[in-house]
Amino acid sequence: MSKHCQIESNKKEGRKMSEQYYSRKCDSCGKGMEEGYMTSGERACSEKCMRMLLSDEAFEDGMKEWKE
């Protein structure tokens, strides 16, 4: 299995109910993700996680540059 894949199991009463496979995981919180934010070397599931990986100023500059 790729190092970017993650399996999350939902358990109920000690039995495995289902498994979800994700193609990548967030570099900040480690959650599995199918969409989100990406820079040249970082992946994040949300704006909050991306701001934790980058400074607020770098995030704002990147978003401004992308919108133009």
Protein backbone atom coordinates (compact mmCIF):
# COMPACT_ATOMS: atom_id res chain seq x y z
CA MET A 1 0.00 0.00 0.00
CA SER A 2 1.26 3.49 -0.87
CA LYS A 3 2.47 5.68 1.95
CA HIS A 4 -0.16 8.25 0.89
CA CYS A 5 -3.07 5.83 1.34
CA GLN A 6 -4.99 5.63 4.54
CA ILE A 7 -7.71 3.31 5.76
CA GLU A 8 -10.27 4.52 8.25
CA SER A 9 -12.55 1.97 9.86
CA ASN A 10 -15.92 2.66 11.38
CA LYS A 11 -16.49 0.30 14.30
CA LYS A 12 -19.70 -0.51 16.10
CA GLU A 13 -19.85 -2.91 19.05
CA GLY A 14 -16.36 -4.20 18.28
CA ARG A 15 -17.18 -5.21 14.71
CA LYS A 16 -15.79 -3.51 11.63
CA MET A 17 -18.68 -1.93 9.76
CA SER A 18 -16.93 -0.36 6.75
CA GLU A 19 -13.59 0.85 5.50
CA GLN A 20 -12.88 4.00 3.53
CA TYR A 21 -9.81 4.20 1.31
CA TYR A 22 -8.29 7.60 0.58
CA SER A 23 -5.82 8.39 -2.16
CA ARG A 24 -3.87 10.84 0.02
CA LYS A 25 -3.68 12.18 3.54
CA CYS A 26 -3.40 15.63 5.06
CA ASP A 27 0.18 16.59 5.97
CA SER A 28 -1.10 18.61 8.92
CA CYS A 29 -3.72 16.48 10.71
CA GLY A 30 -3.27 13.11 8.97
CA LYS A 31 -6.92 12.69 7.90
CA GLY A 32 -7.68 10.86 4.68
CA MET A 33 -8.72 13.12 1.81
CA GLU A 34 -9.95 13.10 -1.79
CA GLU A 35 -9.82 16.87 -2.28
CA GLY A 36 -8.22 19.83 -0.58
CA TYR A 37 -5.34 22.29 -0.86
CA MET A 38 -1.96 21.56 -2.40
CA THR A 39 1.33 23.44 -2.79
CA SER A 40 4.51 22.18 -4.42
CA GLY A 41 5.27 19.92 -1.46
CA GLU A 42 2.36 20.11 1.01
CA ARG A 43 -1.17 18.68 1.03
CA ALA A 44 -3.94 19.82 3.36
CA CYS A 45 -7.58 18.83 3.82
CA SER A 46 -8.77 22.34 4.74
CA GLU A 47 -7.81 25.98 4.77
CA LYS A 48 -7.18 25.69 8.52
CA CYS A 49 -4.66 22.86 8.03
CA MET A 50 -2.93 24.65 5.15
CA ARG A 51 -2.55 27.76 7.30
CA MET A 52 -0.93 25.57 9.97
CA LEU A 53 1.60 24.28 7.40
CA LEU A 54 2.31 27.71 5.91
CA SER A 55 2.33 31.14 7.50
CA ASP A 56 -0.87 33.17 7.14
CA GLU A 57 1.00 35.66 4.95
CA ALA A 58 2.27 32.94 2.60
CA PHE A 59 -1.22 31.44 2.37
CA GLU A 60 -2.83 34.81 1.58
CA ASP A 61 -0.16 35.60 -1.04
CA GLY A 62 -0.66 32.19 -2.67
CA MET A 63 -4.45 32.51 -2.75
CA LYS A 64 -4.22 36.05 -4.15
CA GLU A 65 -1.82 34.86 -6.85
CA TRP A 66 -4.10 31.92 -7.75
CA LYS A 67 -7.26 34.05 -8.00
CA GLU A 68 -5.66 36.48 -10.48
